[in-house]
Amino acid sequence: MKIERFIGGMLESNGYVIYQKDGGNCYVIDPGYHAGVFEECIDRHQLHLSGILLTHHHYDHVGAVEKLRDRYDAPVFMHTADCDQYHGRVDVYLEDGDTIDLDGETIRVIHTPGHTRGGVCYFSEKSKVVFTGDTIFNVDIGRTDFEDGSPDQMERSILDKINTWPNDIFIYPGHGDGCTMKKVRQINTEFLDVVKGEEK
């Protein structure tokens, strides 16, 4: 899988274009700002936009969705539990365990509520990467003090889902730089506090 990251807005949100080769299919993940940078990437590599994958409904991750949808007539994917908070149109309603095909590579949907009720991560076992949105970052975890956030759900997502990922998995978060799960287990104190709290 080839991955291009674009950073935009005051909150410096990460958006991604993922694809296998020039001229093939692609997905855009969390286009929060500046539709033009995604368009330039798609057009430069002569890609077909198969869909827009959203990790959650917050504005800094969805701001460029409508422009991309209109330009490429691409469907929007979002977890069912976030749709009532999202003001745009959703075409594909996701559930935990759903799979998405990227030219032969399987991307699995992992429901990780906590930051929002319908927050998801997009996991590729073949490429050993996960796009985590605002669930987990390199040095901390997502806020849970928003209207539909939940500390208890975040804790369960970390213990039941994220902490099962092997050390060689590389996370691509919604803000900041990515890193391996090995690094997360070394430097992410909020993640470690949850894991160690369960062990006591």
C-alpha atoms as a PDB file:
ATOM      1  CA  MET A   1       0.000   0.000   0.000  1.00  0.00           C
ATOM      2  CA  LYS A   2       1.176   3.507  -0.852  1.00  0.00           C
ATOM      3  CA  ILE A   3       0.224   6.249   1.592  1.00  0.00           C
ATOM      4  CA  GLU A   4       0.313  10.009   1.171  1.00  0.00           C
ATOM      5  CA  ARG A   5      -0.421  12.257   4.148  1.00  0.00           C
ATOM      6  CA  PHE A   6      -1.793  15.790   4.026  1.00  0.00           C
ATOM      7  CA  ILE A   7      -1.945  18.115   7.052  1.00  0.00           C
ATOM      8  CA  GLY A   8      -4.474  20.926   7.205  1.00  0.00           C
ATOM      9  CA  GLY A   9      -6.236  23.449   9.390  1.00  0.00           C
ATOM     10  CA  MET A  10      -5.533  25.073  12.745  1.00  0.00           C
ATOM     11  CA  LEU A  11      -5.758  21.661  14.408  1.00  0.00           C
ATOM     12  CA  GLU A  12      -3.287  20.193  11.893  1.00  0.00           C
ATOM     13  CA  SER A  13      -5.475  17.217  11.077  1.00  0.00           C
ATOM     14  CA  ASN A  14      -4.059  14.372   9.032  1.00  0.00           C
ATOM     15  CA  GLY A  15      -5.823  13.212   5.898  1.00  0.00           C
ATOM     16  CA  TYR A  16      -4.555  10.342   3.772  1.00  0.00           C
ATOM     17  CA  VAL A  17      -4.711   9.001   0.236  1.00  0.00           C
ATOM     18  CA  ILE A  18      -4.082   5.261   0.028  1.00  0.00           C
ATOM     19  CA  TYR A  19      -3.571   3.295  -3.177  1.00  0.00           C
ATOM     20  CA  GLN A  20      -1.565   0.453  -4.697  1.00  0.00           C
ATOM     21  CA  LYS A  21      -0.252   1.906  -7.964  1.00  0.00           C
ATOM     22  CA  ASP A  22      -0.693   4.753 -10.396  1.00  0.00           C
ATOM     23  CA  GLY A  23      -3.833   4.347 -12.446  1.00  0.00           C
ATOM     24  CA  GLY A  24      -5.524   2.144  -9.830  1.00  0.00           C
ATOM     25  CA  ASN A  25      -8.159   2.693  -7.214  1.00  0.00           C
ATOM     26  CA  CYS A  26      -7.721   4.767  -4.081  1.00  0.00           C
ATOM     27  CA  TYR A  27      -9.477   5.830  -0.921  1.00  0.00           C
ATOM     28  CA  VAL A  28      -9.233   9.143   0.895  1.00  0.00           C
ATOM     29  CA  ILE A  29      -9.258   8.913   4.689  1.00  0.00           C
ATOM     30  CA  ASP A  30     -10.467  11.884   6.771  1.00  0.00           C
ATOM     31  CA  PRO A  31     -10.211  14.815   4.336  1.00  0.00           C
ATOM     32  CA  GLY A  32     -10.646  17.583   6.894  1.00  0.00           C
ATOM     33  CA  TYR A  33      -9.366  20.519   4.894  1.00  0.00           C
ATOM     34  CA  HIS A  34      -8.170  21.666   1.481  1.00  0.00           C
ATOM     35  CA  ALA A  35      -9.885  19.398  -1.014  1.00  0.00           C
ATOM     36  CA  GLY A  36      -7.419  20.627  -3.628  1.00  0.00           C
ATOM     37  CA  VAL A  37      -4.438  18.783  -2.178  1.00  0.00           C
ATOM     38  CA  PHE A  38      -6.321  15.500  -2.326  1.00  0.00           C
ATOM     39  CA  GLU A  39      -7.511  16.254  -5.851  1.00  0.00           C
ATOM     40  CA  GLU A  40      -3.971  17.022  -6.955  1.00  0.00           C
ATOM     41  CA  CYS A  41      -2.711  13.712  -5.567  1.00  0.00           C
ATOM     42  CA  ILE A  42      -5.546  11.714  -7.124  1.00  0.00           C
ATOM     43  CA  ASP A  43      -5.132  13.381 -10.498  1.00  0.00           C
ATOM     44  CA  ARG A  44      -1.331  13.224 -10.482  1.00  0.00           C
ATOM     45  CA  HIS A  45      -1.395   9.466  -9.961  1.00  0.00           C
ATOM     46  CA  GLN A  46      -4.395   9.014 -12.283  1.00  0.00           C
ATOM     47  CA  LEU A  47      -6.359   7.287  -9.543  1.00  0.00           C
ATOM     48  CA  HIS A  48     -10.028   6.361  -9.304  1.00  0.00           C
ATOM     49  CA  LEU A  49     -11.505   7.476  -5.984  1.00  0.00           C
ATOM     50  CA  SER A  50     -13.454   4.460  -4.744  1.00  0.00           C
ATOM     51  CA  GLY A  51     -14.640   6.107  -1.560  1.00  0.00           C
ATOM     52  CA  ILE A  52     -14.062   8.500   1.320  1.00  0.00           C
ATOM     53  CA  LEU A  53     -13.400   6.694   4.598  1.00  0.00           C
ATOM     54  CA  LEU A  54     -14.207   8.629   7.771  1.00  0.00           C
ATOM     55  CA  THR A  55     -12.883   7.620  11.167  1.00  0.00           C
ATOM     56  CA  HIS A  56     -15.434   9.837  12.965  1.00  0.00           C
ATOM     57  CA  HIS A  57     -17.722  12.818  12.464  1.00  0.00           C
ATOM     58  CA  HIS A  58     -15.718  15.771  13.863  1.00  0.00           C
ATOM     59  CA  TYR A  59     -15.455  18.779  11.556  1.00  0.00           C
ATOM     60  CA  ASP A  60     -11.661  18.777  11.344  1.00  0.00           C
ATOM     61  CA  HIS A  61     -11.824  15.358   9.685  1.00  0.00           C
ATOM     62  CA  VAL A  62     -14.752  15.851   7.321  1.00  0.00           C
ATOM     63  CA  GLY A  63     -14.503  19.425   6.036  1.00  0.00           C
ATOM     64  CA  ALA A  64     -13.472  18.565   2.461  1.00  0.00           C
ATOM     65  CA  VAL A  65     -15.787  15.584   2.033  1.00  0.00           C
ATOM     66  CA  GLU A  66     -18.516  17.256  -0.009  1.00  0.00           C
ATOM     67  CA  LYS A  67     -16.124  18.814  -2.513  1.00  0.00           C
ATOM     68  CA  LEU A  68     -14.438  15.469  -3.115  1.00  0.00           C
ATOM     69  CA  ARG A  69     -17.764  13.655  -3.332  1.00  0.00           C
ATOM     70  CA  ASP A  70     -19.028  16.142  -5.890  1.00  0.00           C
ATOM     71  CA  ARG A  71     -15.843  16.103  -7.963  1.00  0.00           C
ATOM     72  CA  TYR A  72     -15.438  12.325  -8.126  1.00  0.00           C
ATOM     73  CA  ASP A  73     -18.948  11.047  -7.343  1.00  0.00           C
ATOM     74  CA  ALA A  74     -17.401   8.977  -4.544  1.00  0.00           C
ATOM     75  CA  PRO A  75     -19.361   7.283  -1.743  1.00  0.00           C
ATOM     76  CA  VAL A  76     -18.813   8.274   1.879  1.00  0.00           C
ATOM     77  CA  PHE A  77     -18.190   5.569   4.506  1.00  0.00           C
ATOM     78  CA  MET A  78     -18.932   6.090   8.218  1.00  0.00           C
ATOM     79  CA  HIS A  79     -19.845   3.935  11.197  1.00  0.00           C
ATOM     80  CA  THR A  80     -23.567   3.792  11.868  1.00  0.00           C
ATOM     81  CA  ALA A  81     -23.210   5.169  15.404  1.00  0.00           C
ATOM     82  CA  ASP A  82     -21.674   8.445  14.196  1.00  0.00           C
ATOM     83  CA  CYS A  83     -24.159   9.212  11.430  1.00  0.00           C
ATOM     84  CA  ASP A  84     -26.619  11.082  13.635  1.00  0.00           C
ATOM     85  CA  GLN A  85     -23.884  13.605  14.497  1.00  0.00           C
ATOM     86  CA  TYR A  86     -22.697  14.047  10.916  1.00  0.00           C
ATOM     87  CA  HIS A  87     -24.379  16.721   8.798  1.00  0.00           C
ATOM     88  CA  GLY A  88     -23.414  15.290   5.407  1.00  0.00           C
ATOM     89  CA  ARG A  89     -24.740  12.306   3.477  1.00  0.00           C
ATOM     90  CA  VAL A  90     -23.436   8.847   4.256  1.00  0.00           C
ATOM     91  CA  ASP A  91     -23.567   6.223   1.519  1.00  0.00           C
ATOM     92  CA  VAL A  92     -22.032   3.193   3.244  1.00  0.00           C
ATOM     93  CA  TYR A  93     -22.882   2.493   6.887  1.00  0.00           C
ATOM     94  CA  LEU A  94     -20.052   0.627   8.571  1.00  0.00           C
ATOM     95  CA  GLU A  95     -20.087  -1.907  11.372  1.00  0.00           C
ATOM     96  CA  ASP A  96     -17.265  -3.553  13.289  1.00  0.00           C
ATOM     97  CA  GLY A  97     -15.587  -6.250  11.201  1.00  0.00           C
ATOM     98  CA  ASP A  98     -16.667  -4.928   7.802  1.00  0.00           C
ATOM     99  CA  THR A  99     -14.035  -5.174   5.089  1.00  0.00           C
ATOM    100  CA  ILE A 100     -13.104  -2.838   2.246  1.00  0.00           C
ATOM    101  CA  ASP A 101     -11.100  -3.902  -0.801  1.00  0.00           C
ATOM    102  CA  LEU A 102      -8.255  -1.799  -2.186  1.00  0.00           C
ATOM    103  CA  ASP A 103      -7.150  -3.532  -5.375  1.00  0.00           C
ATOM    104  CA  GLY A 104      -6.776  -6.887  -3.655  1.00  0.00           C
ATOM    105  CA  GLU A 105      -5.741  -5.630  -0.221  1.00  0.00           C
ATOM    106  CA  THR A 106      -8.283  -6.032   2.562  1.00  0.00           C
ATOM    107  CA  ILE A 107      -8.927  -3.149   4.931  1.00  0.00           C
ATOM    108  CA  ARG A 108     -10.849  -4.139   8.048  1.00  0.00           C
ATOM    109  CA  VAL A 109     -13.089  -1.805  10.019  1.00  0.00           C
ATOM    110  CA  ILE A 110     -12.450  -1.839  13.772  1.00  0.00           C
ATOM    111  CA  HIS A 111     -15.042  -0.068  15.906  1.00  0.00           C
ATOM    112  CA  THR A 112     -13.201   1.864  18.628  1.00  0.00           C
ATOM    113  CA  PRO A 113     -15.707   4.083  20.468  1.00  0.00           C
ATOM    114  CA  GLY A 114     -14.532   6.486  23.121  1.00  0.00           C
ATOM    115  CA  HIS A 115     -13.642   9.682  21.266  1.00  0.00           C
ATOM    116  CA  THR A 116     -17.031   9.383  19.540  1.00  0.00           C
ATOM    117  CA  ARG A 117     -19.658   6.646  19.655  1.00  0.00           C
ATOM    118  CA  GLY A 118     -18.930   5.553  16.098  1.00  0.00           C
ATOM    119  CA  GLY A 119     -15.183   6.039  15.950  1.00  0.00           C
ATOM    120  CA  VAL A 120     -13.376   3.452  13.841  1.00  0.00           C
ATOM    121  CA  CYS A 121      -9.881   2.451  12.827  1.00  0.00           C
ATOM    122  CA  TYR A 122      -8.991   1.080   9.388  1.00  0.00           C
ATOM    123  CA  PHE A 123      -6.614  -1.887   9.615  1.00  0.00           C
ATOM    124  CA  SER A 124      -4.566  -3.606   6.910  1.00  0.00           C
ATOM    125  CA  GLU A 125      -2.934  -6.828   8.045  1.00  0.00           C
ATOM    126  CA  LYS A 126      -1.021  -7.113   4.753  1.00  0.00           C
ATOM    127  CA  SER A 127       0.658  -3.709   5.069  1.00  0.00           C
ATOM    128  CA  LYS A 128       0.718  -3.819   8.895  1.00  0.00           C
ATOM    129  CA  VAL A 129      -0.832  -0.370   9.183  1.00  0.00           C
ATOM    130  CA  VAL A 130      -3.811   1.116  11.024  1.00  0.00           C
ATOM    131  CA  PHE A 131      -5.406   4.500  10.425  1.00  0.00           C
ATOM    132  CA  THR A 132      -6.549   5.401  13.925  1.00  0.00           C
ATOM    133  CA  GLY A 133      -8.291   8.766  13.575  1.00  0.00           C
ATOM    134  CA  ASP A 134      -8.513  10.359  17.022  1.00  0.00           C
ATOM    135  CA  THR A 135      -8.637   7.120  18.986  1.00  0.00           C
ATOM    136  CA  ILE A 136      -4.913   6.851  19.640  1.00  0.00           C
ATOM    137  CA  PHE A 137      -1.875   8.949  18.732  1.00  0.00           C
ATOM    138  CA  ASN A 138       1.835   8.394  19.146  1.00  0.00           C
ATOM    139  CA  VAL A 139       2.048  10.012  22.608  1.00  0.00           C
ATOM    140  CA  ASP A 140      -1.535  10.089  23.925  1.00  0.00           C
ATOM    141  CA  ILE A 141      -5.116   8.960  23.338  1.00  0.00           C
ATOM    142  CA  GLY A 142      -8.176  10.792  22.047  1.00  0.00           C
ATOM    143  CA  ARG A 143     -10.221  13.164  24.172  1.00  0.00           C
ATOM    144  CA  THR A 144     -13.353  11.718  25.725  1.00  0.00           C
ATOM    145  CA  ASP A 145     -14.950  14.910  27.069  1.00  0.00           C
ATOM    146  CA  PHE A 146     -17.014  15.706  23.967  1.00  0.00           C
ATOM    147  CA  GLU A 147     -20.783  15.201  23.861  1.00  0.00           C
ATOM    148  CA  ASP A 148     -20.613  11.625  22.565  1.00  0.00           C
ATOM    149  CA  GLY A 149     -17.257  10.709  24.083  1.00  0.00           C
ATOM    150  CA  SER A 150     -16.884   8.121  26.819  1.00  0.00           C
ATOM    151  CA  PRO A 151     -13.867   7.349  29.037  1.00  0.00           C
ATOM    152  CA  ASP A 152     -15.269   3.877  29.738  1.00  0.00           C
ATOM    153  CA  GLN A 153     -15.692   3.078  26.035  1.00  0.00           C
ATOM    154  CA  MET A 154     -12.221   4.417  25.289  1.00  0.00           C
ATOM    155  CA  GLU A 155     -10.758   2.164  27.960  1.00  0.00           C
ATOM    156  CA  ARG A 156     -12.524  -0.870  26.486  1.00  0.00           C
ATOM    157  CA  SER A 157     -11.361   0.048  22.967  1.00  0.00           C
ATOM    158  CA  ILE A 158      -7.772   0.229  24.174  1.00  0.00           C
ATOM    159  CA  LEU A 159      -7.878  -2.985  26.174  1.00  0.00           C
ATOM    160  CA  ASP A 160      -9.988  -5.122  23.838  1.00  0.00           C
ATOM    161  CA  LYS A 161      -8.772  -3.837  20.463  1.00  0.00           C
ATOM    162  CA  ILE A 162      -5.680  -1.641  20.362  1.00  0.00           C
ATOM    163  CA  ASN A 163      -3.620  -3.490  22.934  1.00  0.00           C
ATOM    164  CA  THR A 164      -3.972  -6.672  20.880  1.00  0.00           C
ATOM    165  CA  TRP A 165      -2.093  -5.150  17.937  1.00  0.00           C
ATOM    166  CA  PRO A 166       1.458  -6.515  17.516  1.00  0.00           C
ATOM    167  CA  ASN A 167       4.486  -4.274  18.011  1.00  0.00           C
ATOM    168  CA  ASP A 168       5.250  -4.122  14.289  1.00  0.00           C
ATOM    169  CA  ILE A 169       1.898  -2.508  13.436  1.00  0.00           C
ATOM    170  CA  PHE A 170       2.367   1.124  12.345  1.00  0.00           C
ATOM    171  CA  ILE A 171      -0.339   3.598  13.326  1.00  0.00           C
ATOM    172  CA  TYR A 172      -1.306   6.593  11.180  1.00  0.00           C
ATOM    173  CA  PRO A 173      -3.249   8.889  13.526  1.00  0.00           C
ATOM    174  CA  GLY A 174      -5.580  11.817  12.891  1.00  0.00           C
ATOM    175  CA  HIS A 175      -3.046  14.301  14.294  1.00  0.00           C
ATOM    176  CA  GLY A 176       0.726  14.196  14.647  1.00  0.00           C
ATOM    177  CA  ASP A 177       3.223  11.678  13.368  1.00  0.00           C
ATOM    178  CA  GLY A 178       2.729   7.948  13.155  1.00  0.00           C
ATOM    179  CA  CYS A 179       4.777   5.287  14.887  1.00  0.00           C
ATOM    180  CA  THR A 180       4.864   1.574  15.603  1.00  0.00           C
ATOM    181  CA  MET A 181       2.882  -0.035  18.376  1.00  0.00           C
ATOM    182  CA  LYS A 182       6.229  -0.908  19.925  1.00  0.00           C
ATOM    183  CA  LYS A 183       6.897   2.821  20.222  1.00  0.00           C
ATOM    184  CA  VAL A 184       3.379   3.445  21.537  1.00  0.00           C
ATOM    185  CA  ARG A 185       4.090   0.932  24.292  1.00  0.00           C
ATOM    186  CA  GLN A 186       7.262   2.860  25.150  1.00  0.00           C
ATOM    187  CA  ILE A 187       6.200   6.510  25.055  1.00  0.00           C
ATOM    188  CA  ASN A 188       2.388   6.779  25.189  1.00  0.00           C
ATOM    189  CA  THR A 189       1.770   7.320  28.883  1.00  0.00           C
ATOM    190  CA  GLU A 190      -2.025   7.612  28.601  1.00  0.00           C
ATOM    191  CA  PHE A 191      -2.200   4.291  26.768  1.00  0.00           C
ATOM    192  CA  LEU A 192       0.118   2.705  29.324  1.00  0.00           C
ATOM    193  CA  ASP A 193      -1.938   4.036  32.234  1.00  0.00           C
ATOM    194  CA  VAL A 194      -5.024   2.233  30.882  1.00  0.00           C
ATOM    195  CA  VAL A 195      -3.169  -1.023  30.229  1.00  0.00           C
ATOM    196  CA  LYS A 196      -1.348  -1.043  33.543  1.00  0.00           C
ATOM    197  CA  GLY A 197      -4.525  -0.104  35.388  1.00  0.00           C
ATOM    198  CA  GLU A 198      -6.188  -3.241  34.037  1.00  0.00           C
ATOM    199  CA  GLU A 199      -3.250  -5.368  35.151  1.00  0.00           C
ATOM    200  CA  LYS A 200      -3.455  -4.256  38.783  1.00  0.00           C
END
